[in-house]
């Protein structure tokens, strides 16, 4: 009986702080709720990427999408060292923390996973898909693949389901004049979004683990970021509850600080206390 009760624990087990931080982040990102009081700031924020997917077409957003920005600079044949430096700085400080705490599309997938169904574990090799999306659709294709008009495109934006749910659908609902323009590309993105959400009923965060190029970028920084998880094997009960509650299907006791880890902190809430969050500079100071 005890085991059954444990398995019913939410993926958000003892971690409602994540929800508070998510909604606070959404308020900050959707600056049209408050930017009227600081109008000049909008022009500054549009050049600042946030550490989560945030389509520039979201009706109320005032910040830049990191993946959209990277593609934009490759399309125009330029490189923004300021933007890349900013993202690398964030990654070196917090790794994939933003994936676990402030990414709205990631949370949507976690919520959908609560729908009762037969759950599926994906093979490990699929996790490399997001690195292919990063290399090809975000970097190489915007640099080299031209359309019939001779221009390159922000190709990942055209298939991004996060952009569809945050921008494509709301824009069509809010602006009647856009509805006659709805065509093949819109329905394609809607089909991709539907496929991701259906997959999320059976698989933990499928988009984040298989497709998301931003997750791939920050995953690379997980190995050297200051924010890490620390595992104390002497405290571990080997109950695998941390694996049960992990939103990306890791076994934290065996895959500590994996590039797949989104630093959500669920595993740090288990009773054994074997896993804790630390800043590595703090760890070095204690030695």
Foldseek 3Di string as FASTA:
>chain_A
DVVVVLLPAALCHVPCVLVVLQVVLVPVQLCQVPCVVVVVCLVVQCDAADLEADDPQQPRGSHHHLLLVLLVQLQVPHDDPVRVVVLLVVLQAQQLQCLQRHYPVLVLLSVLLPPDDAADDDDPVLLCQQVVCLPPQRHPQSNDPADPVRGGDSRVCLQDLVCLVRGVVVVVVVDVVCVVVDDDSNVNNVVSNVVQSVNSNHYQRPCLRRHHNSLVVSLVSLVNHQKFKAFAVVLDPPPQSLQSSQSHNDSCNVQGSHSSHNPNCPSCPDPSNRMDIGGVVVVVVVD
